[in-house]
Amino acid sequence: MAAGDEGFMGRCEVVEPRRRGKRHWADEVKARIVAESLQPGARVVDVAARHDILPHHLSDWRRHARQSRLALPGDLMDALTTSPSSTVAEQRH
């Protein structure tokens, strides 16, 4: 270092790690996130990233909603129970 140089004068940024681990999500919040993931064009991975959750957790919640283990508003439940495969099967009968 040159004489009179006081050392590095710069910026230091502290980045906190992403919060992971066990968190409790209220059913209402889960239902809202699931509903968002069911919108046309929505991808599970994108919705999960927006809410800082792992995609497989969101997929689990979606499965719970299909199995009526997670209560969603009525209009969303109708959309879940009317899947393309069940619609095709009903049209054949």
Protein backbone atom coordinates (compact mmCIF):
# COMPACT_ATOMS: atom_id res chain seq x y z
CA MET A 1 0.00 0.00 0.00
CA ALA A 2 1.13 3.49 -0.74
CA ALA A 3 1.87 5.87 2.06
CA GLY A 4 -1.24 7.67 3.22
CA ASP A 5 -3.54 4.98 1.78
CA GLU A 6 -6.13 4.09 4.36
CA GLY A 7 -7.01 0.73 2.87
CA PHE A 8 -10.08 -0.47 1.08
CA MET A 9 -12.97 1.93 1.20
CA GLY A 10 -15.89 0.23 -0.42
CA ARG A 11 -19.28 -1.22 0.07
CA CYS A 12 -20.05 -4.46 1.82
CA GLU A 13 -23.44 -6.11 1.37
CA VAL A 14 -24.73 -8.72 3.78
CA VAL A 15 -26.99 -11.29 2.16
CA GLU A 16 -29.15 -13.36 4.42
CA PRO A 17 -29.76 -16.98 3.47
CA ARG A 18 -33.20 -17.98 2.24
CA ARG A 19 -35.33 -19.08 5.11
CA ARG A 20 -35.93 -22.79 5.00
CA GLY A 21 -37.05 -25.30 7.51
CA LYS A 22 -40.36 -25.97 9.15
CA ARG A 23 -42.85 -23.17 8.80
CA HIS A 24 -46.51 -23.35 9.57
CA TRP A 25 -48.77 -22.07 6.81
CA ALA A 26 -52.36 -21.23 7.68
CA ASP A 27 -54.89 -23.14 5.56
CA GLU A 28 -56.23 -19.84 4.18
CA VAL A 29 -52.76 -18.90 2.94
CA LYS A 30 -52.22 -22.37 1.45
CA ALA A 31 -55.58 -22.13 -0.31
CA ARG A 32 -54.71 -18.71 -1.77
CA ILE A 33 -51.34 -19.97 -3.04
CA VAL A 34 -52.95 -23.11 -4.50
CA ALA A 35 -55.60 -20.96 -6.19
CA GLU A 36 -52.85 -18.81 -7.71
CA SER A 37 -51.12 -21.94 -9.03
CA LEU A 38 -54.35 -23.09 -10.69
CA GLN A 39 -54.71 -19.98 -12.83
CA PRO A 40 -54.33 -20.59 -16.58
CA GLY A 41 -50.68 -20.38 -17.59
CA ALA A 42 -49.38 -20.52 -14.01
CA ARG A 43 -46.49 -22.86 -13.31
CA VAL A 44 -46.00 -24.50 -9.92
CA VAL A 45 -42.30 -23.66 -9.90
CA ASP A 46 -42.97 -19.94 -10.54
CA VAL A 47 -45.72 -19.62 -7.92
CA ALA A 48 -43.60 -21.50 -5.38
CA ALA A 49 -40.64 -19.17 -6.00
CA ARG A 50 -42.85 -16.08 -5.51
CA HIS A 51 -43.87 -17.37 -2.08
CA ASP A 52 -40.43 -18.74 -1.13
CA ILE A 53 -41.59 -22.34 -0.86
CA LEU A 54 -40.32 -25.50 -2.48
CA PRO A 55 -42.27 -26.59 -5.56
CA HIS A 56 -42.98 -30.04 -4.12
CA HIS A 57 -44.69 -28.45 -1.10
CA LEU A 58 -47.04 -26.57 -3.42
CA SER A 59 -47.64 -29.78 -5.38
CA ASP A 60 -48.53 -31.51 -2.10
CA TRP A 61 -51.00 -28.74 -1.23
CA ARG A 62 -52.57 -29.04 -4.69
CA ARG A 63 -52.96 -32.78 -4.16
CA HIS A 64 -54.53 -32.15 -0.75
CA ALA A 65 -57.01 -29.76 -2.38
CA ARG A 66 -57.95 -32.40 -4.98
CA GLN A 67 -58.45 -34.92 -2.15
CA SER A 68 -60.60 -32.42 -0.20
CA ARG A 69 -58.00 -32.30 2.57
CA LEU A 70 -57.45 -28.57 1.97
CA ALA A 71 -60.55 -26.44 1.68
CA LEU A 72 -60.66 -24.07 -1.29
CA PRO A 73 -63.46 -21.71 -2.29
CA GLY A 74 -66.30 -23.50 -4.08
CA ASP A 75 -65.56 -22.25 -7.59
CA LEU A 76 -61.99 -23.51 -7.33
CA MET A 77 -63.14 -26.91 -6.09
CA ASP A 78 -65.42 -27.22 -9.13
CA ALA A 79 -62.44 -26.51 -11.38
CA LEU A 80 -60.36 -29.14 -9.60
CA THR A 81 -62.98 -31.86 -9.79
CA THR A 82 -63.61 -31.18 -13.49
CA SER A 83 -60.26 -32.26 -14.87
CA PRO A 84 -59.82 -32.77 -18.62
CA SER A 85 -59.59 -36.55 -18.20
CA SER A 86 -62.84 -36.75 -16.22
CA THR A 87 -64.60 -34.50 -18.75
CA VAL A 88 -63.57 -36.79 -21.61
CA ALA A 89 -64.77 -39.84 -19.69
CA GLU A 90 -68.14 -38.20 -19.00
CA GLN A 91 -68.59 -37.28 -22.67
CA ARG A 92 -68.11 -40.91 -23.73
CA HIS A 93 -71.03 -42.14 -21.60
